[in-house]
């Protein structure tokens, strides 16, 4: 977990819907339980990715607001 790189929200969403589809197509009881636990994990990964993305966007917005205009720097 130390070198964990968070996945994007889009990829997490794809994995989540694949897990939902697997639950819907599961036949036996054991297979359905495994699919449900995979769906739970996919839900947690998706929520985590959304939280990381939201925090990143908020941090960028705060940093933009904090910046002052430096008139000595040419902007082109």
PDB file of N, CA and C in Angstrom:
ATOM      1  N   UNK A   1       0.811  -1.192   0.000  1.00  0.00           N
ATOM      2  CA  UNK A   1       0.000   0.000   0.000  1.00  0.00           C
ATOM      3  C   UNK A   1       0.861   1.266   0.000  1.00  0.00           C
ATOM      4  N   UNK A   2       2.146   1.147   0.301  1.00  0.00           N
ATOM      5  CA  UNK A   2       3.001   2.328   0.333  1.00  0.00           C
ATOM      6  C   UNK A   2       3.131   2.982  -1.031  1.00  0.00           C
ATOM      7  N   UNK A   3       3.288   2.185  -2.051  1.00  0.00           N
ATOM      8  CA  UNK A   3       3.472   2.718  -3.396  1.00  0.00           C
ATOM      9  C   UNK A   3       2.168   2.737  -4.179  1.00  0.00           C
ATOM     10  N   UNK A   4       1.066   2.878  -3.490  1.00  0.00           N
ATOM     11  CA  UNK A   4      -0.249   2.866  -4.121  1.00  0.00           C
ATOM     12  C   UNK A   4      -0.451   4.134  -4.928  1.00  0.00           C
ATOM     13  N   UNK A   5      -0.785   3.969  -6.200  1.00  0.00           N
ATOM     14  CA  UNK A   5      -1.100   5.114  -7.042  1.00  0.00           C
ATOM     15  C   UNK A   5      -2.602   5.106  -7.281  1.00  0.00           C
ATOM     16  N   UNK A   6      -3.305   6.154  -6.860  1.00  0.00           N
ATOM     17  CA  UNK A   6      -4.764   6.155  -7.023  1.00  0.00           C
ATOM     18  C   UNK A   6      -5.159   6.152  -8.489  1.00  0.00           C
ATOM     19  N   UNK A   7      -6.214   5.426  -8.802  1.00  0.00           N
ATOM     20  CA  UNK A   7      -6.670   5.363 -10.184  1.00  0.00           C
ATOM     21  C   UNK A   7      -7.624   6.511 -10.446  1.00  0.00           C
ATOM     22  N   UNK A   8      -7.844   6.779 -11.713  1.00  0.00           N
ATOM     23  CA  UNK A   8      -8.723   7.888 -12.074  1.00  0.00           C
ATOM     24  C   UNK A   8     -10.174   7.522 -11.778  1.00  0.00           C
ATOM     25  N   UNK A   9     -11.001   8.549 -11.706  1.00  0.00           N
ATOM     26  CA  UNK A   9     -12.421   8.344 -11.425  1.00  0.00           C
ATOM     27  C   UNK A   9     -13.069   7.567 -12.565  1.00  0.00           C
ATOM     28  N   UNK A  10     -12.679   7.867 -13.803  1.00  0.00           N
ATOM     29  CA  UNK A  10     -13.277   7.174 -14.952  1.00  0.00           C
ATOM     30  C   UNK A  10     -12.982   5.679 -14.913  1.00  0.00           C
ATOM     31  N   UNK A  11     -11.735   5.338 -14.629  1.00  0.00           N
ATOM     32  CA  UNK A  11     -11.368   3.917 -14.571  1.00  0.00           C
ATOM     33  C   UNK A  11     -12.071   3.213 -13.405  1.00  0.00           C
ATOM     34  N   UNK A  12     -12.160   3.896 -12.269  1.00  0.00           N
ATOM     35  CA  UNK A  12     -12.860   3.322 -11.112  1.00  0.00           C
ATOM     36  C   UNK A  12     -14.336   3.121 -11.428  1.00  0.00           C
ATOM     37  N   UNK A  13     -14.921   4.055 -12.170  1.00  0.00           N
ATOM     38  CA  UNK A  13     -16.339   3.936 -12.542  1.00  0.00           C
ATOM     39  C   UNK A  13     -16.545   2.734 -13.465  1.00  0.00           C
ATOM     40  N   UNK A  14     -15.620   2.526 -14.403  1.00  0.00           N
ATOM     41  CA  UNK A  14     -15.713   1.369 -15.308  1.00  0.00           C
ATOM     42  C   UNK A  14     -15.634   0.074 -14.505  1.00  0.00           C
ATOM     43  N   UNK A  15     -14.690   0.004 -13.567  1.00  0.00           N
ATOM     44  CA  UNK A  15     -14.554  -1.195 -12.737  1.00  0.00           C
ATOM     45  C   UNK A  15     -15.804  -1.432 -11.898  1.00  0.00           C
ATOM     46  N   UNK A  16     -16.403  -0.358 -11.395  1.00  0.00           N
ATOM     47  CA  UNK A  16     -17.616  -0.485 -10.587  1.00  0.00           C
ATOM     48  C   UNK A  16     -18.753  -1.072 -11.410  1.00  0.00           C
ATOM     49  N   UNK A  17     -18.968  -0.549 -12.614  1.00  0.00           N
ATOM     50  CA  UNK A  17     -20.075  -1.052 -13.424  1.00  0.00           C
ATOM     51  C   UNK A  17     -19.819  -2.469 -13.928  1.00  0.00           C
ATOM     52  N   UNK A  18     -18.549  -2.830 -14.123  1.00  0.00           N
ATOM     53  CA  UNK A  18     -18.237  -4.221 -14.458  1.00  0.00           C
ATOM     54  C   UNK A  18     -18.584  -5.130 -13.279  1.00  0.00           C
ATOM     55  N   UNK A  19     -18.297  -4.675 -12.065  1.00  0.00           N
ATOM     56  CA  UNK A  19     -18.620  -5.468 -10.875  1.00  0.00           C
ATOM     57  C   UNK A  19     -20.128  -5.612 -10.705  1.00  0.00           C
ATOM     58  N   UNK A  20     -20.878  -4.544 -10.977  1.00  0.00           N
ATOM     59  CA  UNK A  20     -22.344  -4.615 -10.901  1.00  0.00           C
ATOM     60  C   UNK A  20     -22.869  -5.614 -11.921  1.00  0.00           C
ATOM     61  N   UNK A  21     -22.311  -5.579 -13.117  1.00  0.00           N
ATOM     62  CA  UNK A  21     -22.716  -6.513 -14.172  1.00  0.00           C
ATOM     63  C   UNK A  21     -22.398  -7.949 -13.769  1.00  0.00           C
ATOM     64  N   UNK A  22     -21.244  -8.165 -13.136  1.00  0.00           N
ATOM     65  CA  UNK A  22     -20.881  -9.509 -12.672  1.00  0.00           C
ATOM     66  C   UNK A  22     -21.865 -10.018 -11.620  1.00  0.00           C
ATOM     67  N   UNK A  23     -22.314  -9.133 -10.736  1.00  0.00           N
ATOM     68  CA  UNK A  23     -23.294  -9.531  -9.716  1.00  0.00           C
ATOM     69  C   UNK A  23     -24.598  -9.938 -10.383  1.00  0.00           C
ATOM     70  N   UNK A  24     -25.022  -9.171 -11.370  1.00  0.00           N
ATOM     71  CA  UNK A  24     -26.284  -9.474 -12.053  1.00  0.00           C
ATOM     72  C   UNK A  24     -26.219 -10.781 -12.830  1.00  0.00           C
ATOM     73  N   UNK A  25     -25.029 -11.162 -13.314  1.00  0.00           N
ATOM     74  CA  UNK A  25     -24.905 -12.377 -14.118  1.00  0.00           C
ATOM     75  C   UNK A  25     -24.465 -13.590 -13.303  1.00  0.00           C
ATOM     76  N   UNK A  26     -24.207 -13.414 -12.013  1.00  0.00           N
ATOM     77  CA  UNK A  26     -23.769 -14.528 -11.174  1.00  0.00           C
ATOM     78  C   UNK A  26     -24.911 -15.525 -10.996  1.00  0.00           C
ATOM     79  N   UNK A  27     -24.559 -16.824 -11.056  1.00  0.00           N
ATOM     80  CA  UNK A  27     -25.579 -17.873 -11.012  1.00  0.00           C
ATOM     81  C   UNK A  27     -25.689 -18.486  -9.618  1.00  0.00           C
ATOM     82  N   UNK A  28     -24.599 -19.045  -9.117  1.00  0.00           N
ATOM     83  CA  UNK A  28     -24.643 -19.766  -7.840  1.00  0.00           C
ATOM     84  C   UNK A  28     -24.515 -18.839  -6.653  1.00  0.00           C
ATOM     85  N   UNK A  29     -24.763 -19.400  -5.471  1.00  0.00           N
ATOM     86  CA  UNK A  29     -24.695 -18.611  -4.244  1.00  0.00           C
ATOM     87  C   UNK A  29     -23.290 -18.137  -3.920  1.00  0.00           C
ATOM     88  N   UNK A  30     -22.306 -19.044  -4.037  1.00  0.00           N
ATOM     89  CA  UNK A  30     -20.918 -18.689  -3.724  1.00  0.00           C
ATOM     90  C   UNK A  30     -20.401 -17.680  -4.742  1.00  0.00           C
ATOM     91  N   UNK A  31     -20.731 -17.920  -6.003  1.00  0.00           N
ATOM     92  CA  UNK A  31     -20.294 -17.005  -7.063  1.00  0.00           C
ATOM     93  C   UNK A  31     -20.902 -15.613  -6.857  1.00  0.00           C
ATOM     94  N   UNK A  32     -22.154 -15.586  -6.462  1.00  0.00           N
ATOM     95  CA  UNK A  32     -22.834 -14.298  -6.222  1.00  0.00           C
ATOM     96  C   UNK A  32     -22.201 -13.567  -5.028  1.00  0.00           C
ATOM     97  N   UNK A  33     -21.849 -14.316  -3.971  1.00  0.00           N
ATOM     98  CA  UNK A  33     -21.203 -13.696  -2.807  1.00  0.00           C
ATOM     99  C   UNK A  33     -19.848 -13.095  -3.174  1.00  0.00           C
ATOM    100  N   UNK A  34     -19.077 -13.830  -3.987  1.00  0.00           N
ATOM    101  CA  UNK A  34     -17.781 -13.310  -4.428  1.00  0.00           C
ATOM    102  C   UNK A  34     -17.967 -12.048  -5.264  1.00  0.00           C
ATOM    103  N   UNK A  35     -18.964 -12.074  -6.138  1.00  0.00           N
ATOM    104  CA  UNK A  35     -19.228 -10.910  -6.987  1.00  0.00           C
ATOM    105  C   UNK A  35     -19.673  -9.715  -6.147  1.00  0.00           C
ATOM    106  N   UNK A  36     -20.460  -9.979  -5.112  1.00  0.00           N
ATOM    107  CA  UNK A  36     -20.914  -8.875  -4.242  1.00  0.00           C
ATOM    108  C   UNK A  36     -19.757  -8.272  -3.459  1.00  0.00           C
ATOM    109  N   UNK A  37     -18.849  -9.121  -2.987  1.00  0.00           N
ATOM    110  CA  UNK A  37     -17.696  -8.573  -2.259  1.00  0.00           C
ATOM    111  C   UNK A  37     -16.795  -7.781  -3.204  1.00  0.00           C
ATOM    112  N   UNK A  38     -16.677  -8.238  -4.447  1.00  0.00           N
ATOM    113  CA  UNK A  38     -15.907  -7.478  -5.444  1.00  0.00           C
ATOM    114  C   UNK A  38     -16.590  -6.148  -5.738  1.00  0.00           C
ATOM    115  N   UNK A  39     -17.920  -6.159  -5.757  1.00  0.00           N
ATOM    116  CA  UNK A  39     -18.659  -4.911  -5.989  1.00  0.00           C
ATOM    117  C   UNK A  39     -18.454  -3.941  -4.821  1.00  0.00           C
ATOM    118  N   UNK A  40     -18.436  -4.469  -3.599  1.00  0.00           N
ATOM    119  CA  UNK A  40     -18.195  -3.613  -2.428  1.00  0.00           C
ATOM    120  C   UNK A  40     -16.820  -2.957  -2.503  1.00  0.00           C
ATOM    121  N   UNK A  41     -15.820  -3.759  -2.884  1.00  0.00           N
ATOM    122  CA  UNK A  41     -14.467  -3.214  -3.039  1.00  0.00           C
ATOM    123  C   UNK A  41     -14.431  -2.151  -4.128  1.00  0.00           C
ATOM    124  N   UNK A  42     -15.104  -2.435  -5.256  1.00  0.00           N
ATOM    125  CA  UNK A  42     -15.136  -1.475  -6.364  1.00  0.00           C
ATOM    126  C   UNK A  42     -15.831  -0.183  -5.945  1.00  0.00           C
ATOM    127  N   UNK A  43     -16.859  -0.300  -5.114  1.00  0.00           N
ATOM    128  CA  UNK A  43     -17.551   0.895  -4.606  1.00  0.00           C
ATOM    129  C   UNK A  43     -16.607   1.730  -3.752  1.00  0.00           C
ATOM    130  N   UNK A  44     -15.840   1.078  -2.884  1.00  0.00           N
ATOM    131  CA  UNK A  44     -14.900   1.806  -2.035  1.00  0.00           C
ATOM    132  C   UNK A  44     -13.812   2.482  -2.861  1.00  0.00           C
ATOM    133  N   UNK A  45     -13.319   1.785  -3.881  1.00  0.00           N
ATOM    134  CA  UNK A  45     -12.283   2.360  -4.744  1.00  0.00           C
ATOM    135  C   UNK A  45     -12.832   3.573  -5.482  1.00  0.00           C
ATOM    136  N   UNK A  46     -14.070   3.464  -5.980  1.00  0.00           N
ATOM    137  CA  UNK A  46     -14.691   4.583  -6.695  1.00  0.00           C
ATOM    138  C   UNK A  46     -14.879   5.776  -5.765  1.00  0.00           C
ATOM    139  N   UNK A  47     -15.382   5.542  -4.566  1.00  0.00           N
ATOM    140  CA  UNK A  47     -15.582   6.647  -3.627  1.00  0.00           C
ATOM    141  C   UNK A  47     -14.256   7.296  -3.250  1.00  0.00           C
ATOM    142  N   UNK A  48     -13.228   6.484  -3.071  1.00  0.00           N
ATOM    143  CA  UNK A  48     -11.903   7.006  -2.736  1.00  0.00           C
ATOM    144  C   UNK A  48     -11.353   7.852  -3.885  1.00  0.00           C
ATOM    145  N   UNK A  49     -11.502   7.358  -5.119  1.00  0.00           N
ATOM    146  CA  UNK A  49     -11.016   8.104  -6.285  1.00  0.00           C
ATOM    147  C   UNK A  49     -11.764   9.427  -6.431  1.00  0.00           C
ATOM    148  N   UNK A  50     -13.076   9.408  -6.182  1.00  0.00           N
ATOM    149  CA  UNK A  50     -13.856  10.644  -6.266  1.00  0.00           C
ATOM    150  C   UNK A  50     -13.428  11.633  -5.189  1.00  0.00           C
ATOM    151  N   UNK A  51     -13.165  11.130  -3.987  1.00  0.00           N
ATOM    152  CA  UNK A  51     -12.730  12.008  -2.895  1.00  0.00           C
ATOM    153  C   UNK A  51     -11.370  12.626  -3.197  1.00  0.00           C
ATOM    154  N   UNK A  52     -10.440  11.811  -3.703  1.00  0.00           N
ATOM    155  CA  UNK A  52      -9.107  12.315  -4.044  1.00  0.00           C
ATOM    156  C   UNK A  52      -9.209  13.374  -5.132  1.00  0.00           C
ATOM    157  N   UNK A  53     -10.027  13.111  -6.150  1.00  0.00           N
ATOM    158  CA  UNK A  53     -10.197  14.061  -7.253  1.00  0.00           C
ATOM    159  C   UNK A  53     -10.827  15.363  -6.755  1.00  0.00           C
ATOM    160  N   UNK A  54     -11.839  15.244  -5.916  1.00  0.00           N
ATOM    161  CA  UNK A  54     -12.511  16.438  -5.379  1.00  0.00           C
ATOM    162  C   UNK A  54     -11.546  17.267  -4.533  1.00  0.00           C
ATOM    163  N   UNK A  55     -10.761  16.611  -3.678  1.00  0.00           N
ATOM    164  CA  UNK A  55      -9.792  17.327  -2.845  1.00  0.00           C
ATOM    165  C   UNK A  55      -8.725  18.003  -3.689  1.00  0.00           C
ATOM    166  N   UNK A  56      -8.315  17.329  -4.763  1.00  0.00           N
ATOM    167  CA  UNK A  56      -7.304  17.907  -5.653  1.00  0.00           C
ATOM    168  C   UNK A  56      -7.831  19.174  -6.317  1.00  0.00           C
ATOM    169  N   UNK A  57      -9.068  19.117  -6.806  1.00  0.00           N
ATOM    170  CA  UNK A  57      -9.662  20.293  -7.454  1.00  0.00           C
ATOM    171  C   UNK A  57      -9.845  21.437  -6.463  1.00  0.00           C
ATOM    172  N   UNK A  58     -10.274  21.123  -5.248  1.00  0.00           N
ATOM    173  CA  UNK A  58     -10.443  22.166  -4.227  1.00  0.00           C
ATOM    174  C   UNK A  58      -9.108  22.793  -3.858  1.00  0.00           C
ATOM    175  N   UNK A  59      -8.059  21.983  -3.763  1.00  0.00           N
ATOM    176  CA  UNK A  59      -6.730  22.505  -3.435  1.00  0.00           C
ATOM    177  C   UNK A  59      -6.222  23.412  -4.549  1.00  0.00           C
ATOM    178  N   UNK A  60      -6.475  23.026  -5.810  1.00  0.00           N
ATOM    179  CA  UNK A  60      -6.063  23.874  -6.929  1.00  0.00           C
ATOM    180  C   UNK A  60      -6.817  25.194  -6.914  1.00  0.00           C
ATOM    181  N   UNK A  61      -8.108  25.156  -6.613  1.00  0.00           N
ATOM    182  CA  UNK A  61      -8.903  26.384  -6.562  1.00  0.00           C
ATOM    183  C   UNK A  61      -8.418  27.288  -5.429  1.00  0.00           C
ATOM    184  N   UNK A  62      -8.104  26.698  -4.270  1.00  0.00           N
ATOM    185  CA  UNK A  62      -7.580  27.497  -3.153  1.00  0.00           C
ATOM    186  C   UNK A  62      -6.247  28.135  -3.513  1.00  0.00           C
ATOM    187  N   UNK A  63      -5.389  27.370  -4.198  1.00  0.00           N
ATOM    188  CA  UNK A  63      -4.078  27.899  -4.582  1.00  0.00           C
ATOM    189  C   UNK A  63      -4.236  29.054  -5.569  1.00  0.00           C
ATOM    190  N   UNK A  64      -5.185  28.932  -6.495  1.00  0.00           N
ATOM    191  CA  UNK A  64      -5.419  30.025  -7.449  1.00  0.00           C
ATOM    192  C   UNK A  64      -5.911  31.271  -6.729  1.00  0.00           C
ATOM    193  N   UNK A  65      -6.806  31.086  -5.752  1.00  0.00           N
ATOM    194  CA  UNK A  65      -7.356  32.219  -5.016  1.00  0.00           C
ATOM    195  C   UNK A  65      -6.277  32.913  -4.184  1.00  0.00           C
ATOM    196  N   UNK A  66      -5.350  32.124  -3.655  1.00  0.00           N
ATOM    197  CA  UNK A  66      -4.299  32.667  -2.794  1.00  0.00           C
ATOM    198  C   UNK A  66      -3.277  33.487  -3.565  1.00  0.00           C
ATOM    199  N   UNK A  67      -3.099  33.163  -4.840  1.00  0.00           N
ATOM    200  CA  UNK A  67      -2.062  33.834  -5.624  1.00  0.00           C
ATOM    201  C   UNK A  67      -2.359  35.314  -5.784  1.00  0.00           C
ATOM    202  N   UNK A  68      -1.313  36.086  -5.731  1.00  0.00           N
ATOM    203  CA  UNK A  68      -1.450  37.509  -5.998  1.00  0.00           C
ATOM    204  C   UNK A  68      -0.888  37.785  -7.373  1.00  0.00           C
ATOM    205  N   UNK A  69      -1.344  38.847  -7.968  1.00  0.00           N
ATOM    206  CA  UNK A  69      -0.851  39.218  -9.289  1.00  0.00           C
ATOM    207  C   UNK A  69       0.508  39.877  -9.118  1.00  0.00           C
ATOM    208  N   UNK A  70       1.484  39.344  -9.819  1.00  0.00           N
ATOM    209  CA  UNK A  70       2.819  39.935  -9.805  1.00  0.00           C
ATOM    210  C   UNK A  70       2.985  40.697 -11.108  1.00  0.00           C
ATOM    211  N   UNK A  71       2.939  42.001 -11.028  1.00  0.00           N
ATOM    212  CA  UNK A  71       2.972  42.825 -12.241  1.00  0.00           C
ATOM    213  C   UNK A  71       4.351  42.856 -12.863  1.00  0.00           C
ATOM    214  N   UNK A  72       5.349  42.340 -12.172  1.00  0.00           N
ATOM    215  CA  UNK A  72       6.708  42.328 -12.720  1.00  0.00           C
ATOM    216  C   UNK A  72       6.936  41.145 -13.647  1.00  0.00           C
ATOM    217  N   UNK A  73       6.024  40.219 -13.657  1.00  0.00           N
ATOM    218  CA  UNK A  73       6.178  39.015 -14.473  1.00  0.00           C
ATOM    219  C   UNK A  73       5.397  39.197 -15.764  1.00  0.00           C
ATOM    220  N   UNK A  74       6.072  39.011 -16.877  1.00  0.00           N
ATOM    221  CA  UNK A  74       5.404  39.131 -18.173  1.00  0.00           C
ATOM    222  C   UNK A  74       4.561  37.891 -18.415  1.00  0.00           C
ATOM    223  N   UNK A  75       3.341  38.100 -18.873  1.00  0.00           N
ATOM    224  CA  UNK A  75       2.443  36.986 -19.160  1.00  0.00           C
ATOM    225  C   UNK A  75       2.203  36.964 -20.653  1.00  0.00           C
ATOM    226  N   UNK A  76       2.692  35.945 -21.325  1.00  0.00           N
ATOM    227  CA  UNK A  76       2.351  35.770 -22.717  1.00  0.00           C
ATOM    228  C   UNK A  76       1.983  34.381 -23.019  1.00  0.00           C
TER     229      UNK A  76
END
